Amino acid sequence: MKEKLIIFIIFTLSLLMFIPLKVSARENNTSDINLFNENEGEQVVQVFNCCDKKVYITQKDLDLMAKVVYAESNCEPFEGKVAVASVILNRLKYPEFPKTVEGVIMQKGAFSCVNNDGTISAPQSEDCYKAVLEALNGSDPTGKAVFFYNPQIATSRWMKDINKENVKTIGNHVFFTAN
């Protein structure tokens, strides 16, 4: 099953070569336009351009994103899963956040599902991988949000009190940007 999923992911990502590209999680100083680039022994795929920099996604990035999507939005509608994946990608566009998918996910306090030792105790479901791929293909139901929370269970005063812009509710989560 996992082999079929990996083949599906690679095939889907290969289709990105024919789609207008948008952002970069891993910088590459070459102008190589091949879909797969060898970088530190890993296969990476350029997903989008942002701010004149390319973003690259590895299999590890896909796995991490699928785990976060599962842990943060497993009981949410599919649109909510895509929205969580979109928040991760949207953060890559802002200088306040790390410039890699792994950096965004592992940033201290960024996602409640990341344990203190940097692990995420969540499986990677096929539905979550599909949501990640949809976000990578450009779907963003949040309208470029970089934060989200569930107001019914959130314990962070910051999330509740901050001045929110571009607010959108999807399932039980509120997605937004901040001043």
Protein backbone atom coordinates (compact mmCIF):
# COMPACT_ATOMS: atom_id res chain seq x y z
CA MET A 1 0.00 0.00 0.00
CA LYS A 2 2.77 2.45 0.95
CA GLU A 3 4.64 1.67 -2.30
CA LYS A 4 1.51 2.48 -4.32
CA LEU A 5 1.10 5.73 -2.38
CA ILE A 6 4.71 6.74 -3.02
CA ILE A 7 4.33 5.97 -6.73
CA PHE A 8 1.10 8.02 -6.76
CA ILE A 9 2.86 10.94 -5.04
CA ILE A 10 5.82 10.85 -7.42
CA PHE A 11 3.49 10.67 -10.44
CA THR A 12 1.36 13.54 -9.14
CA LEU A 13 4.40 15.66 -8.39
CA SER A 14 5.77 14.97 -11.85
CA LEU A 15 2.61 16.55 -13.24
CA LEU A 16 3.61 19.79 -11.50
CA MET A 17 6.18 20.31 -14.23
CA PHE A 18 3.32 21.26 -16.53
CA ILE A 19 1.52 23.54 -14.07
CA PRO A 20 2.51 27.18 -13.53
CA LEU A 21 4.79 27.10 -10.51
CA LYS A 22 4.23 29.27 -7.43
CA VAL A 23 6.89 28.87 -4.10
CA SER A 24 10.76 27.13 -2.49
CA ALA A 25 11.51 25.18 0.70
CA ARG A 26 15.06 24.41 -0.27
CA GLU A 27 17.21 26.88 -2.13
CA ASN A 28 19.15 25.69 -5.16
CA ASN A 29 21.48 28.14 -6.88
CA THR A 30 21.30 26.42 -10.25
CA SER A 31 18.85 27.31 -12.96
CA ASP A 32 18.20 23.64 -13.69
CA ILE A 33 14.56 23.22 -14.65
CA ASN A 34 14.47 19.45 -14.29
CA LEU A 35 11.68 18.27 -12.03
CA PHE A 36 13.98 16.16 -9.86
CA ASN A 37 17.29 17.58 -8.71
CA GLU A 38 19.90 15.69 -6.75
CA ASN A 39 20.48 17.65 -3.56
CA GLU A 40 22.45 16.14 -0.68
CA GLY A 41 21.64 12.64 -1.96
CA GLU A 42 17.87 13.21 -1.85
CA GLN A 43 15.44 13.52 -4.68
CA VAL A 44 13.67 16.85 -4.46
CA VAL A 45 11.02 18.42 -6.60
CA GLN A 46 10.66 22.14 -7.25
CA VAL A 47 7.13 23.02 -6.32
CA PHE A 48 6.86 26.77 -6.64
CA ASN A 49 8.72 30.08 -6.77
CA CYS A 50 8.36 32.85 -4.25
CA CYS A 51 10.24 36.09 -3.83
CA ASP A 52 12.69 35.07 -6.59
CA LYS A 53 13.64 31.89 -4.69
CA LYS A 54 12.74 28.33 -5.52
CA VAL A 55 11.07 26.01 -3.00
CA TYR A 56 11.89 22.33 -3.10
CA ILE A 57 9.97 19.55 -1.40
CA THR A 58 11.49 16.20 -0.42
CA GLN A 59 9.79 12.93 0.45
CA LYS A 60 10.61 13.71 4.09
CA ASP A 61 8.79 17.05 3.72
CA LEU A 62 5.72 15.28 2.30
CA ASP A 63 5.76 12.79 5.18
CA LEU A 64 6.09 15.56 7.78
CA MET A 65 3.29 17.58 6.21
CA ALA A 66 1.00 14.52 6.08
CA LYS A 67 1.68 13.84 9.78
CA VAL A 68 0.91 17.45 10.74
CA VAL A 69 -2.25 17.44 8.62
CA TYR A 70 -3.37 14.22 10.32
CA ALA A 71 -2.52 15.40 13.84
CA GLU A 72 -4.03 18.87 13.46
CA SER A 73 -7.07 18.13 11.28
CA ASN A 74 -7.89 14.42 11.17
CA CYS A 75 -11.52 14.97 12.20
CA GLU A 76 -11.94 18.02 9.98
CA PRO A 77 -13.45 18.02 6.47
CA PHE A 78 -11.07 17.48 3.55
CA GLU A 79 -11.02 21.24 2.89
CA GLY A 80 -9.73 21.70 6.46
CA LYS A 81 -6.91 19.25 5.80
CA VAL A 82 -5.91 21.15 2.64
CA ALA A 83 -6.09 24.35 4.68
CA VAL A 84 -3.61 23.07 7.29
CA ALA A 85 -1.19 22.01 4.54
CA SER A 86 -1.65 25.44 2.93
CA VAL A 87 -0.69 27.22 6.16
CA ILE A 88 2.63 25.34 6.17
CA LEU A 89 3.31 26.38 2.57
CA ASN A 90 2.12 29.96 3.14
CA ARG A 91 4.62 30.40 5.97
CA LEU A 92 7.47 29.77 3.52
CA LYS A 93 6.58 33.09 1.86
CA TYR A 94 7.20 35.25 4.93
CA PRO A 95 10.61 36.26 6.33
CA GLU A 96 9.33 35.74 9.89
CA PHE A 97 9.21 31.99 9.33
CA PRO A 98 11.86 29.38 8.47
CA LYS A 99 12.52 28.78 4.77
CA THR A 100 12.09 25.00 4.69
CA VAL A 101 9.05 22.82 5.26
CA GLU A 102 10.86 20.99 8.04
CA GLY A 103 11.90 24.32 9.60
CA VAL A 104 8.33 25.64 9.52
CA ILE A 105 6.95 22.46 11.09
CA MET A 106 9.65 22.14 13.75
CA GLN A 107 9.66 25.82 14.74
CA LYS A 108 9.14 25.95 18.50
CA GLY A 109 5.46 26.36 19.34
CA ALA A 110 4.32 26.42 15.71
CA PHE A 111 2.25 23.23 15.77
CA SER A 112 0.87 21.61 18.90
CA CYS A 113 1.38 18.14 17.47
CA VAL A 114 5.19 18.45 17.47
CA ASN A 115 6.58 16.87 20.64
CA ASN A 116 9.42 18.46 22.61
CA ASP A 117 11.86 15.98 21.05
CA GLY A 118 10.83 17.03 17.52
CA THR A 119 8.72 13.96 16.77
CA ILE A 120 5.11 13.87 15.65
CA SER A 121 3.07 10.99 17.05
CA ALA A 122 0.65 10.68 14.17
CA PRO A 123 0.21 8.34 11.23
CA GLN A 124 0.20 9.44 7.59
CA SER A 125 -3.15 8.61 6.05
CA GLU A 126 -3.85 8.53 2.34
CA ASP A 127 -6.43 11.30 2.78
CA CYS A 128 -3.80 13.51 4.42
CA TYR A 129 -1.32 12.88 1.60
CA LYS A 130 -4.04 13.82 -0.89
CA ALA A 131 -4.67 17.05 1.02
CA VAL A 132 -0.95 17.88 0.98
CA LEU A 133 -0.78 17.23 -2.75
CA GLU A 134 -3.80 19.44 -3.36
CA ALA A 135 -2.12 22.27 -1.44
CA LEU A 136 1.11 21.70 -3.38
CA ASN A 137 -0.92 21.95 -6.57
CA GLY A 138 -1.98 25.46 -5.57
CA SER A 139 -5.28 24.96 -3.75
CA ASP A 140 -5.48 27.27 -0.73
CA PRO A 141 -8.92 27.47 0.87
CA THR A 142 -7.50 29.80 3.56
CA GLY A 143 -6.78 32.75 1.30
CA LYS A 144 -3.07 32.79 2.26
CA ALA A 145 -3.49 32.35 6.03
CA VAL A 146 -0.39 31.66 8.13
CA PHE A 147 -2.11 30.83 11.43
CA PHE A 148 -5.00 28.66 12.55
CA TYR A 149 -6.56 27.50 15.79
CA ASN A 150 -9.64 25.84 17.19
CA PRO A 151 -11.38 28.48 19.34
CA GLN A 152 -13.25 25.81 21.32
CA ILE A 153 -10.08 24.17 22.67
CA ALA A 154 -7.28 26.73 22.18
CA THR A 155 -5.32 27.59 25.31
CA SER A 156 -3.13 30.30 23.77
CA ARG A 157 -4.19 33.83 24.75
CA TRP A 158 -2.16 35.12 21.80
CA MET A 159 -4.33 33.23 19.31
CA LYS A 160 -7.53 34.44 20.93
CA ASP A 161 -6.51 38.08 21.45
CA ILE A 162 -4.47 39.00 18.36
CA ASN A 163 -5.95 41.33 15.75
CA LYS A 164 -6.85 38.92 12.92
CA GLU A 165 -7.13 39.69 9.22
CA ASN A 166 -8.34 37.56 6.32
CA VAL A 167 -10.33 35.37 8.75
CA LYS A 168 -11.87 32.19 7.40
CA THR A 169 -13.56 29.40 9.35
CA ILE A 170 -13.23 25.89 7.96
CA GLY A 171 -14.67 23.10 10.08
CA ASN A 172 -13.68 23.78 13.70
CA HIS A 173 -10.61 25.87 12.80
CA VAL A 174 -10.22 29.59 12.27
CA PHE A 175 -7.54 30.52 9.70
CA PHE A 176 -6.07 34.02 9.56
CA THR A 177 -3.15 36.37 9.05
CA ALA A 178 -2.04 38.77 11.76
CA ASN A 179 -0.91 42.39 11.85
